[in-house]
Amino acid sequence: MSVRNYNHDMLAGINQLKQLRDSVASQIEAEQAVSNKLKDEIAVLSERMMRSQSNLKVLNESMASYTKTLEETELVYNKIEESSQNLLNVIKRETKSIQKTLNAKNVP
């Protein structure tokens, strides 16, 4: 093989290496773009997650407050209902007592 052939083969090899390097550089650029896009999406999702967690905290506090108010209200309502039943029983008992007294005295 002559020097000219070696030179030609060497230049062809160098050109092939340059093409491979350029191909890898393009792949790196594409992957970097994907990586940057994913970082941006992660930042957006992280912000949304923080807002969602904040909203959940407020909603859970509101739910706990409603639950407490409902429990207290139901307790008071049950006491009122019991007192009303007792009052109704007293009214019935006193009405019967008054009716007996009137009947005993022959008052129409």
PDB file of N, CA and C in Angstrom:
ATOM      1  N   MET A   1       0.841  -1.176   0.000  1.00  0.00           N
ATOM      2  CA  MET A   1       0.000   0.000   0.000  1.00  0.00           C
ATOM      3  C   MET A   1       0.888   1.243   0.000  1.00  0.00           C
ATOM      4  N   SER A   2       0.484   2.230  -0.714  1.00  0.00           N
ATOM      5  CA  SER A   2       1.296   3.436  -0.837  1.00  0.00           C
ATOM      6  C   SER A   2       0.925   4.440   0.242  1.00  0.00           C
ATOM      7  N   VAL A   3       1.776   5.424   0.378  1.00  0.00           N
ATOM      8  CA  VAL A   3       1.550   6.492   1.354  1.00  0.00           C
ATOM      9  C   VAL A   3       0.255   7.222   1.029  1.00  0.00           C
ATOM     10  N   ARG A   4       0.008   7.337  -0.233  1.00  0.00           N
ATOM     11  CA  ARG A   4      -1.212   8.027  -0.659  1.00  0.00           C
ATOM     12  C   ARG A   4      -2.444   7.256  -0.164  1.00  0.00           C
ATOM     13  N   ASN A   5      -2.447   5.964  -0.257  1.00  0.00           N
ATOM     14  CA  ASN A   5      -3.566   5.149   0.226  1.00  0.00           C
ATOM     15  C   ASN A   5      -3.703   5.253   1.748  1.00  0.00           C
ATOM     16  N   TYR A   6      -2.555   5.239   2.435  1.00  0.00           N
ATOM     17  CA  TYR A   6      -2.605   5.384   3.898  1.00  0.00           C
ATOM     18  C   TYR A   6      -3.191   6.744   4.283  1.00  0.00           C
ATOM     19  N   ASN A   7      -2.740   7.750   3.571  1.00  0.00           N
ATOM     20  CA  ASN A   7      -3.232   9.102   3.840  1.00  0.00           C
ATOM     21  C   ASN A   7      -4.738   9.174   3.593  1.00  0.00           C
ATOM     22  N   HIS A   8      -5.171   8.598   2.500  1.00  0.00           N
ATOM     23  CA  HIS A   8      -6.602   8.588   2.175  1.00  0.00           C
ATOM     24  C   HIS A   8      -7.386   7.828   3.235  1.00  0.00           C
ATOM     25  N   ASP A   9      -6.904   6.675   3.651  1.00  0.00           N
ATOM     26  CA  ASP A   9      -7.585   5.877   4.681  1.00  0.00           C
ATOM     27  C   ASP A   9      -7.615   6.614   6.020  1.00  0.00           C
ATOM     28  N   MET A  10      -6.492   7.304   6.325  1.00  0.00           N
ATOM     29  CA  MET A  10      -6.450   8.066   7.582  1.00  0.00           C
ATOM     30  C   MET A  10      -7.466   9.201   7.570  1.00  0.00           C
ATOM     31  N   LEU A  11      -7.532   9.925   6.483  1.00  0.00           N
ATOM     32  CA  LEU A  11      -8.498  11.023   6.379  1.00  0.00           C
ATOM     33  C   LEU A  11      -9.932  10.493   6.439  1.00  0.00           C
ATOM     34  N   ALA A  12     -10.167   9.366   5.806  1.00  0.00           N
ATOM     35  CA  ALA A  12     -11.504   8.761   5.853  1.00  0.00           C
ATOM     36  C   ALA A  12     -11.846   8.358   7.288  1.00  0.00           C
ATOM     37  N   GLY A  13     -10.874   7.790   8.005  1.00  0.00           N
ATOM     38  CA  GLY A  13     -11.090   7.408   9.404  1.00  0.00           C
ATOM     39  C   GLY A  13     -11.359   8.620  10.280  1.00  0.00           C
ATOM     40  N   ILE A  14     -10.591   9.693  10.051  1.00  0.00           N
ATOM     41  CA  ILE A  14     -10.788  10.936  10.817  1.00  0.00           C
ATOM     42  C   ILE A  14     -12.173  11.507  10.537  1.00  0.00           C
ATOM     43  N   ASN A  15     -12.576  11.518   9.271  1.00  0.00           N
ATOM     44  CA  ASN A  15     -13.906  12.031   8.907  1.00  0.00           C
ATOM     45  C   ASN A  15     -15.015  11.189   9.542  1.00  0.00           C
ATOM     46  N   GLN A  16     -14.807   9.884   9.565  1.00  0.00           N
ATOM     47  CA  GLN A  16     -15.801   9.005  10.188  1.00  0.00           C
ATOM     48  C   GLN A  16     -15.900   9.303  11.690  1.00  0.00           C
ATOM     49  N   LEU A  17     -14.751   9.499  12.346  1.00  0.00           N
ATOM     50  CA  LEU A  17     -14.750   9.840  13.779  1.00  0.00           C
ATOM     51  C   LEU A  17     -15.461  11.173  14.029  1.00  0.00           C
ATOM     52  N   LYS A  18     -15.211  12.145  13.138  1.00  0.00           N
ATOM     53  CA  LYS A  18     -15.882  13.446  13.270  1.00  0.00           C
ATOM     54  C   LYS A  18     -17.397  13.294  13.141  1.00  0.00           C
ATOM     55  N   GLN A  19     -17.846  12.473  12.183  1.00  0.00           N
ATOM     56  CA  GLN A  19     -19.283  12.248  11.997  1.00  0.00           C
ATOM     57  C   GLN A  19     -19.891  11.570  13.228  1.00  0.00           C
ATOM     58  N   LEU A  20     -19.165  10.589  13.759  1.00  0.00           N
ATOM     59  CA  LEU A  20     -19.655   9.908  14.967  1.00  0.00           C
ATOM     60  C   LEU A  20     -19.721  10.885  16.147  1.00  0.00           C
ATOM     61  N   ARG A  21     -18.668  11.713  16.260  1.00  0.00           N
ATOM     62  CA  ARG A  21     -18.658  12.718  17.324  1.00  0.00           C
ATOM     63  C   ARG A  21     -19.822  13.694  17.156  1.00  0.00           C
ATOM     64  N   ASP A  22     -20.065  14.154  15.936  1.00  0.00           N
ATOM     65  CA  ASP A  22     -21.163  15.086  15.676  1.00  0.00           C
ATOM     66  C   ASP A  22     -22.512  14.438  15.977  1.00  0.00           C
ATOM     67  N   SER A  23     -22.632  13.165  15.664  1.00  0.00           N
ATOM     68  CA  SER A  23     -23.866  12.437  15.963  1.00  0.00           C
ATOM     69  C   SER A  23     -24.096  12.372  17.474  1.00  0.00           C
ATOM     70  N   VAL A  24     -23.018  12.064  18.211  1.00  0.00           N
ATOM     71  CA  VAL A  24     -23.134  12.016  19.677  1.00  0.00           C
ATOM     72  C   VAL A  24     -23.451  13.408  20.224  1.00  0.00           C
ATOM     73  N   ALA A  25     -22.842  14.441  19.653  1.00  0.00           N
ATOM     74  CA  ALA A  25     -23.111  15.812  20.089  1.00  0.00           C
ATOM     75  C   ALA A  25     -24.586  16.159  19.876  1.00  0.00           C
ATOM     76  N   SER A  26     -25.141  15.733  18.749  1.00  0.00           N
ATOM     77  CA  SER A  26     -26.567  15.967  18.477  1.00  0.00           C
ATOM     78  C   SER A  26     -27.441  15.229  19.483  1.00  0.00           C
ATOM     79  N   GLN A  27     -27.051  14.000  19.792  1.00  0.00           N
ATOM     80  CA  GLN A  27     -27.808  13.230  20.784  1.00  0.00           C
ATOM     81  C   GLN A  27     -27.734  13.891  22.165  1.00  0.00           C
ATOM     82  N   ILE A  28     -26.537  14.396  22.514  1.00  0.00           N
ATOM     83  CA  ILE A  28     -26.375  15.098  23.796  1.00  0.00           C
ATOM     84  C   ILE A  28     -27.270  16.324  23.832  1.00  0.00           C
ATOM     85  N   GLU A  29     -27.286  17.073  22.744  1.00  0.00           N
ATOM     86  CA  GLU A  29     -28.119  18.278  22.666  1.00  0.00           C
ATOM     87  C   GLU A  29     -29.597  17.929  22.824  1.00  0.00           C
ATOM     88  N   ALA A  30     -30.027  16.858  22.162  1.00  0.00           N
ATOM     89  CA  ALA A  30     -31.432  16.433  22.257  1.00  0.00           C
ATOM     90  C   ALA A  30     -31.766  15.986  23.677  1.00  0.00           C
ATOM     91  N   GLU A  31     -30.877  15.204  24.279  1.00  0.00           N
ATOM     92  CA  GLU A  31     -31.124  14.741  25.653  1.00  0.00           C
ATOM     93  C   GLU A  31     -31.105  15.903  26.640  1.00  0.00           C
ATOM     94  N   GLN A  32     -30.248  16.894  26.388  1.00  0.00           N
ATOM     95  CA  GLN A  32     -30.206  18.067  27.257  1.00  0.00           C
ATOM     96  C   GLN A  32     -31.519  18.839  27.156  1.00  0.00           C
ATOM     97  N   ALA A  33     -32.063  18.923  25.953  1.00  0.00           N
ATOM     98  CA  ALA A  33     -33.355  19.593  25.768  1.00  0.00           C
ATOM     99  C   ALA A  33     -34.452  18.842  26.522  1.00  0.00           C
ATOM    100  N   VAL A  34     -34.445  17.508  26.426  1.00  0.00           N
ATOM    101  CA  VAL A  34     -35.425  16.699  27.159  1.00  0.00           C
ATOM    102  C   VAL A  34     -35.254  16.913  28.660  1.00  0.00           C
ATOM    103  N   SER A  35     -34.002  16.900  29.111  1.00  0.00           N
ATOM    104  CA  SER A  35     -33.716  17.088  30.535  1.00  0.00           C
ATOM    105  C   SER A  35     -34.211  18.451  31.019  1.00  0.00           C
ATOM    106  N   ASN A  36     -33.947  19.493  30.233  1.00  0.00           N
ATOM    107  CA  ASN A  36     -34.405  20.840  30.604  1.00  0.00           C
ATOM    108  C   ASN A  36     -35.925  20.917  30.646  1.00  0.00           C
ATOM    109  N   LYS A  37     -36.572  20.294  29.670  1.00  0.00           N
ATOM    110  CA  LYS A  37     -38.039  20.290  29.641  1.00  0.00           C
ATOM    111  C   LYS A  37     -38.588  19.577  30.870  1.00  0.00           C
ATOM    112  N   LEU A  38     -37.988  18.442  31.215  1.00  0.00           N
ATOM    113  CA  LEU A  38     -38.444  17.694  32.395  1.00  0.00           C
ATOM    114  C   LEU A  38     -38.227  18.490  33.681  1.00  0.00           C
ATOM    115  N   LYS A  39     -37.100  19.194  33.764  1.00  0.00           N
ATOM    116  CA  LYS A  39     -36.853  20.041  34.939  1.00  0.00           C
ATOM    117  C   LYS A  39     -37.937  21.107  35.066  1.00  0.00           C
ATOM    118  N   ASP A  40     -38.304  21.724  33.943  1.00  0.00           N
ATOM    119  CA  ASP A  40     -39.369  22.733  33.960  1.00  0.00           C
ATOM    120  C   ASP A  40     -40.695  22.119  34.398  1.00  0.00           C
ATOM    121  N   GLU A  41     -41.001  20.935  33.864  1.00  0.00           N
ATOM    122  CA  GLU A  41     -42.250  20.263  34.242  1.00  0.00           C
ATOM    123  C   GLU A  41     -42.246  19.897  35.724  1.00  0.00           C
ATOM    124  N   ILE A  42     -41.094  19.446  36.226  1.00  0.00           N
ATOM    125  CA  ILE A  42     -40.986  19.110  37.647  1.00  0.00           C
ATOM    126  C   ILE A  42     -41.219  20.351  38.496  1.00  0.00           C
ATOM    127  N   ALA A  43     -40.666  21.486  38.074  1.00  0.00           N
ATOM    128  CA  ALA A  43     -40.857  22.730  38.821  1.00  0.00           C
ATOM    129  C   ALA A  43     -42.335  23.112  38.861  1.00  0.00           C
ATOM    130  N   VAL A  44     -43.010  22.989  37.719  1.00  0.00           N
ATOM    131  CA  VAL A  44     -44.444  23.308  37.658  1.00  0.00           C
ATOM    132  C   VAL A  44     -45.235  22.349  38.542  1.00  0.00           C
ATOM    133  N   LEU A  45     -44.927  21.056  38.437  1.00  0.00           N
ATOM    134  CA  LEU A  45     -45.642  20.059  39.247  1.00  0.00           C
ATOM    135  C   LEU A  45     -45.358  20.238  40.737  1.00  0.00           C
ATOM    136  N   SER A  46     -44.135  20.608  41.073  1.00  0.00           N
ATOM    137  CA  SER A  46     -43.799  20.848  42.483  1.00  0.00           C
ATOM    138  C   SER A  46     -44.613  22.013  43.034  1.00  0.00           C
ATOM    139  N   GLU A  47     -44.746  23.054  42.249  1.00  0.00           N
ATOM    140  CA  GLU A  47     -45.550  24.209  42.673  1.00  0.00           C
ATOM    141  C   GLU A  47     -47.011  23.810  42.849  1.00  0.00           C
ATOM    142  N   ARG A  48     -47.533  23.055  41.887  1.00  0.00           N
ATOM    143  CA  ARG A  48     -48.926  22.590  41.988  1.00  0.00           C
ATOM    144  C   ARG A  48     -49.112  21.704  43.211  1.00  0.00           C
ATOM    145  N   MET A  49     -48.134  20.857  43.483  1.00  0.00           N
ATOM    146  CA  MET A  49     -48.222  19.963  44.637  1.00  0.00           C
ATOM    147  C   MET A  49     -48.224  20.767  45.937  1.00  0.00           C
ATOM    148  N   MET A  50     -47.378  21.797  46.020  1.00  0.00           N
ATOM    149  CA  MET A  50     -47.358  22.634  47.224  1.00  0.00           C
ATOM    150  C   MET A  50     -48.706  23.321  47.417  1.00  0.00           C
ATOM    151  N   ARG A  51     -49.283  23.840  46.331  1.00  0.00           N
ATOM    152  CA  ARG A  51     -50.597  24.478  46.434  1.00  0.00           C
ATOM    153  C   ARG A  51     -51.660  23.473  46.848  1.00  0.00           C
ATOM    154  N   SER A  52     -51.593  22.281  46.276  1.00  0.00           N
ATOM    155  CA  SER A  52     -52.563  21.241  46.613  1.00  0.00           C
ATOM    156  C   SER A  52     -52.443  20.845  48.080  1.00  0.00           C
ATOM    157  N   GLN A  53     -51.227  20.698  48.570  1.00  0.00           N
ATOM    158  CA  GLN A  53     -51.028  20.347  49.977  1.00  0.00           C
ATOM    159  C   GLN A  53     -51.541  21.454  50.889  1.00  0.00           C
ATOM    160  N   SER A  54     -51.321  22.696  50.493  1.00  0.00           N
ATOM    161  CA  SER A  54     -51.826  23.828  51.269  1.00  0.00           C
ATOM    162  C   SER A  54     -53.354  23.820  51.288  1.00  0.00           C
ATOM    163  N   ASN A  55     -53.960  23.573  50.122  1.00  0.00           N
ATOM    164  CA  ASN A  55     -55.422  23.498  50.043  1.00  0.00           C
ATOM    165  C   ASN A  55     -55.957  22.355  50.892  1.00  0.00           C
ATOM    166  N   LEU A  56     -55.283  21.205  50.840  1.00  0.00           N
ATOM    167  CA  LEU A  56     -55.711  20.058  51.645  1.00  0.00           C
ATOM    168  C   LEU A  56     -55.659  20.377  53.134  1.00  0.00           C
ATOM    169  N   LYS A  57     -54.640  21.098  53.549  1.00  0.00           N
ATOM    170  CA  LYS A  57     -54.524  21.472  54.961  1.00  0.00           C
ATOM    171  C   LYS A  57     -55.717  22.332  55.377  1.00  0.00           C
ATOM    172  N   VAL A  58     -56.025  23.335  54.572  1.00  0.00           N
ATOM    173  CA  VAL A  58     -57.161  24.218  54.874  1.00  0.00           C
ATOM    174  C   VAL A  58     -58.463  23.425  54.869  1.00  0.00           C
ATOM    175  N   LEU A  59     -58.640  22.562  53.876  1.00  0.00           N
ATOM    176  CA  LEU A  59     -59.870  21.773  53.788  1.00  0.00           C
ATOM    177  C   LEU A  59     -60.002  20.806  54.960  1.00  0.00           C
ATOM    178  N   ASN A  60     -58.906  20.171  55.358  1.00  0.00           N
ATOM    179  CA  ASN A  60     -58.955  19.261  56.507  1.00  0.00           C
ATOM    180  C   ASN A  60     -59.278  20.010  57.796  1.00  0.00           C
ATOM    181  N   GLU A  61     -58.727  21.218  57.952  1.00  0.00           N
ATOM    182  CA  GLU A  61     -59.048  22.033  59.124  1.00  0.00           C
ATOM    183  C   GLU A  61     -60.527  22.411  59.116  1.00  0.00           C
ATOM    184  N   SER A  62     -61.046  22.775  57.943  1.00  0.00           N
ATOM    185  CA  SER A  62     -62.467  23.122  57.829  1.00  0.00           C
ATOM    186  C   SER A  62     -63.339  21.919  58.152  1.00  0.00           C
ATOM    187  N   MET A  63     -62.956  20.760  57.637  1.00  0.00           N
ATOM    188  CA  MET A  63     -63.733  19.551  57.903  1.00  0.00           C
ATOM    189  C   MET A  63     -63.731  19.232  59.393  1.00  0.00           C
ATOM    190  N   ALA A  64     -62.584  19.367  60.044  1.00  0.00           N
ATOM    191  CA  ALA A  64     -62.500  19.113  61.485  1.00  0.00           C
ATOM    192  C   ALA A  64     -63.387  20.092  62.245  1.00  0.00           C
ATOM    193  N   SER A  65     -63.404  21.335  61.803  1.00  0.00           N
ATOM    194  CA  SER A  65     -64.249  22.341  62.442  1.00  0.00           C
ATOM    195  C   SER A  65     -65.728  22.011  62.260  1.00  0.00           C
ATOM    196  N   TYR A  66     -66.114  21.628  61.039  1.00  0.00           N
ATOM    197  CA  TYR A  66     -67.501  21.226  60.799  1.00  0.00           C
ATOM    198  C   TYR A  66     -67.878  20.014  61.644  1.00  0.00           C
ATOM    199  N   THR A  67     -66.989  19.051  61.721  1.00  0.00           N
ATOM    200  CA  THR A  67     -67.260  17.843  62.504  1.00  0.00           C
ATOM    201  C   THR A  67     -67.465  18.195  63.969  1.00  0.00           C
ATOM    202  N   LYS A  68     -66.603  19.048  64.509  1.00  0.00           N
ATOM    203  CA  LYS A  68     -66.720  19.463  65.912  1.00  0.00           C
ATOM    204  C   LYS A  68     -68.035  20.205  66.140  1.00  0.00           C
ATOM    205  N   THR A  69     -68.354  21.133  65.245  1.00  0.00           N
ATOM    206  CA  THR A  69     -69.596  21.895  65.375  1.00  0.00           C
ATOM    207  C   THR A  69     -70.805  20.975  65.295  1.00  0.00           C
ATOM    208  N   LEU A  70     -70.773  20.026  64.368  1.00  0.00           N
ATOM    209  CA  LEU A  70     -71.885  19.070  64.252  1.00  0.00           C
ATOM    210  C   LEU A  70     -72.043  18.239  65.521  1.00  0.00           C
ATOM    211  N   GLU A  71     -70.935  17.753  66.067  1.00  0.00           N
ATOM    212  CA  GLU A  71     -71.006  16.950  67.290  1.00  0.00           C
ATOM    213  C   GLU A  71     -71.595  17.766  68.437  1.00  0.00           C
ATOM    214  N   GLU A  72     -71.118  19.001  68.591  1.00  0.00           N
ATOM    215  CA  GLU A  72     -71.632  19.865  69.657  1.00  0.00           C
ATOM    216  C   GLU A  72     -73.109  20.180  69.441  1.00  0.00           C
ATOM    217  N   THR A  73     -73.476  20.473  68.194  1.00  0.00           N
ATOM    218  CA  THR A  73     -74.865  20.806  67.878  1.00  0.00           C
ATOM    219  C   THR A  73     -75.781  19.616  68.127  1.00  0.00           C
ATOM    220  N   GLU A  74     -75.360  18.430  67.709  1.00  0.00           N
ATOM    221  CA  GLU A  74     -76.181  17.237  67.933  1.00  0.00           C
ATOM    222  C   GLU A  74     -76.332  16.949  69.418  1.00  0.00           C
ATOM    223  N   LEU A  75     -75.284  17.175  70.195  1.00  0.00           N
ATOM    224  CA  LEU A  75     -75.354  16.963  71.639  1.00  0.00           C
ATOM    225  C   LEU A  75     -76.370  17.917  72.267  1.00  0.00           C
ATOM    226  N   VAL A  76     -76.283  19.184  71.907  1.00  0.00           N
ATOM    227  CA  VAL A  76     -77.227  20.176  72.440  1.00  0.00           C
ATOM    228  C   VAL A  76     -78.642  19.865  71.963  1.00  0.00           C
ATOM    229  N   TYR A  77     -78.790  19.492  70.691  1.00  0.00           N
ATOM    230  CA  TYR A  77     -80.109  19.150  70.163  1.00  0.00           C
ATOM    231  C   TYR A  77     -80.711  17.986  70.934  1.00  0.00           C
ATOM    232  N   ASN A  78     -79.913  16.971  71.204  1.00  0.00           N
ATOM    233  CA  ASN A  78     -80.415  15.818  71.962  1.00  0.00           C
ATOM    234  C   ASN A  78     -80.847  16.227  73.366  1.00  0.00           C
ATOM    235  N   LYS A  79     -80.116  17.149  73.985  1.00  0.00           N
ATOM    236  CA  LYS A  79     -80.503  17.637  75.313  1.00  0.00           C
ATOM    237  C   LYS A  79     -81.816  18.415  75.233  1.00  0.00           C
ATOM    238  N   ILE A  80     -81.941  19.244  74.197  1.00  0.00           N
ATOM    239  CA  ILE A  80     -83.186  20.004  74.008  1.00  0.00           C
ATOM    240  C   ILE A  80     -84.343  19.044  73.770  1.00  0.00           C
ATOM    241  N   GLU A  81     -84.119  18.037  72.941  1.00  0.00           N
ATOM    242  CA  GLU A  81     -85.160  17.053  72.652  1.00  0.00           C
ATOM    243  C   GLU A  81     -85.578  16.320  73.932  1.00  0.00           C
ATOM    244  N   GLU A  82     -84.597  15.951  74.750  1.00  0.00           N
ATOM    245  CA  GLU A  82     -84.892  15.270  76.011  1.00  0.00           C
ATOM    246  C   GLU A  82     -85.666  16.195  76.952  1.00  0.00           C
ATOM    247  N   SER A  83     -85.238  17.463  77.017  1.00  0.00           N
ATOM    248  CA  SER A  83     -85.944  18.431  77.862  1.00  0.00           C
ATOM    249  C   SER A  83     -87.363  18.660  77.361  1.00  0.00           C
ATOM    250  N   SER A  84     -87.527  18.722  76.044  1.00  0.00           N
ATOM    251  CA  SER A  84     -88.862  18.907  75.469  1.00  0.00           C
ATOM    252  C   SER A  84     -89.760  17.726  75.806  1.00  0.00           C
ATOM    253  N   GLN A  85     -89.211  16.520  75.732  1.00  0.00           N
ATOM    254  CA  GLN A  85     -89.987  15.326  76.077  1.00  0.00           C
ATOM    255  C   GLN A  85     -90.383  15.362  77.553  1.00  0.00           C
ATOM    256  N   ASN A  86     -89.436  15.765  78.405  1.00  0.00           N
ATOM    257  CA  ASN A  86     -89.747  15.878  79.835  1.00  0.00           C
ATOM    258  C   ASN A  86     -90.830  16.925  80.075  1.00  0.00           C
ATOM    259  N   LEU A  87     -90.723  18.061  79.387  1.00  0.00           N
ATOM    260  CA  LEU A  87     -91.725  19.110  79.527  1.00  0.00           C
ATOM    261  C   LEU A  87     -93.086  18.619  79.051  1.00  0.00           C
ATOM    262  N   LEU A  88     -93.124  17.904  77.947  1.00  0.00           N
ATOM    263  CA  LEU A  88     -94.376  17.358  77.439  1.00  0.00           C
ATOM    264  C   LEU A  88     -94.987  16.386  78.445  1.00  0.00           C
ATOM    265  N   ASN A  89     -94.156  15.551  79.046  1.00  0.00           N
ATOM    266  CA  ASN A  89     -94.655  14.621  80.072  1.00  0.00           C
ATOM    267  C   ASN A  89     -95.222  15.369  81.275  1.00  0.00           C
ATOM    268  N   VAL A  90     -94.554  16.447  81.693  1.00  0.00           N
ATOM    269  CA  VAL A  90     -95.059  17.259  82.816  1.00  0.00           C
ATOM    270  C   VAL A  90     -96.397  17.883  82.442  1.00  0.00           C
ATOM    271  N   ILE A  91     -96.495  18.412  81.227  1.00  0.00           N
ATOM    272  CA  ILE A  91     -97.753  19.029  80.785  1.00  0.00           C
ATOM    273  C   ILE A  91     -98.877  18.002  80.789  1.00  0.00           C
ATOM    274  N   LYS A  92     -98.626  16.817  80.257  1.00  0.00           N
ATOM    275  CA  LYS A  92     -99.658  15.772  80.234  1.00  0.00           C
ATOM    276  C   LYS A  92    -100.058  15.379  81.652  1.00  0.00           C
ATOM    277  N   ARG A  93     -99.050  15.192  82.510  1.00  0.00           N
ATOM    278  CA  ARG A  93     -99.329  14.788  83.884  1.00  0.00           C
ATOM    279  C   ARG A  93    -100.141  15.869  84.615  1.00  0.00           C
ATOM    280  N   GLU A  94     -99.742  17.111  84.467  1.00  0.00           N
ATOM    281  CA  GLU A  94    -100.452  18.203  85.139  1.00  0.00           C
ATOM    282  C   GLU A  94    -101.854  18.385  84.563  1.00  0.00           C
ATOM    283  N   THR A  95    -101.986  18.192  83.250  1.00  0.00           N
ATOM    284  CA  THR A  95    -103.312  18.294  82.631  1.00  0.00           C
ATOM    285  C   THR A  95    -104.235  17.229  83.199  1.00  0.00           C
ATOM    286  N   LYS A  96    -103.749  16.004  83.324  1.00  0.00           N
ATOM    287  CA  LYS A  96    -104.553  14.925  83.914  1.00  0.00           C
ATOM    288  C   LYS A  96    -104.902  15.247  85.358  1.00  0.00           C
ATOM    289  N   SER A  97    -103.929  15.792  86.077  1.00  0.00           N
ATOM    290  CA  SER A  97    -104.178  16.122  87.492  1.00  0.00           C
ATOM    291  C   SER A  97    -105.248  17.202  87.616  1.00  0.00           C
ATOM    292  N   ILE A  98    -105.145  18.207  86.755  1.00  0.00           N
ATOM    293  CA  ILE A  98    -106.143  19.289  86.792  1.00  0.00           C
ATOM    294  C   ILE A  98    -107.506  18.747  86.395  1.00  0.00           C
ATOM    295  N   GLN A  99    -107.554  17.891  85.356  1.00  0.00           N
ATOM    296  CA  GLN A  99    -108.825  17.291  84.930  1.00  0.00           C
ATOM    297  C   GLN A  99    -109.435  16.460  86.054  1.00  0.00           C
ATOM    298  N   LYS A 100    -108.618  15.695  86.772  1.00  0.00           N
ATOM    299  CA  LYS A 100    -109.121  14.894  87.895  1.00  0.00           C
ATOM    300  C   LYS A 100    -109.713  15.796  88.963  1.00  0.00           C
ATOM    301  N   THR A 101    -108.999  16.883  89.244  1.00  0.00           N
ATOM    302  CA  THR A 101    -109.487  17.806  90.271  1.00  0.00           C
ATOM    303  C   THR A 101    -110.814  18.406  89.838  1.00  0.00           C
ATOM    304  N   LEU A 102    -110.920  18.812  88.585  1.00  0.00           N
ATOM    305  CA  LEU A 102    -112.165  19.388  88.086  1.00  0.00           C
ATOM    306  C   LEU A 102    -113.284  18.353  88.102  1.00  0.00           C
ATOM    307  N   ASN A 103    -112.989  17.136  87.685  1.00  0.00           N
ATOM    308  CA  ASN A 103    -114.001  16.079  87.680  1.00  0.00           C
ATOM    309  C   ASN A 103    -114.442  15.741  89.104  1.00  0.00           C
ATOM    310  N   ALA A 104    -113.505  15.765  90.024  1.00  0.00           N
ATOM    311  CA  ALA A 104    -113.844  15.450  91.417  1.00  0.00           C
ATOM    312  C   ALA A 104    -114.750  16.520  91.999  1.00  0.00           C
ATOM    313  N   LYS A 105    -114.626  17.730  91.545  1.00  0.00           N
ATOM    314  CA  LYS A 105    -115.457  18.824  92.060  1.00  0.00           C
ATOM    315  C   LYS A 105    -116.669  19.055  91.175  1.00  0.00           C
ATOM    316  N   ASN A 106    -116.907  18.176  90.257  1.00  0.00           N
ATOM    317  CA  ASN A 106    -118.051  18.233  89.350  1.00  0.00           C
ATOM    318  C   ASN A 106    -118.120  19.538  88.558  1.00  0.00           C
ATOM    319  N   VAL A 107    -116.985  19.981  88.108  1.00  0.00           N
ATOM    320  CA  VAL A 107    -116.957  21.184  87.268  1.00  0.00           C
ATOM    321  C   VAL A 107    -116.936  20.713  85.821  1.00  0.00           C
ATOM    322  N   PRO A 108    -117.898  21.208  85.019  1.00  0.00           N
ATOM    323  CA  PRO A 108    -117.993  20.743  83.635  1.00  0.00           C
ATOM    324  C   PRO A 108    -116.871  21.187  82.753  1.00  0.00           C
TER     325      PRO A 108
END
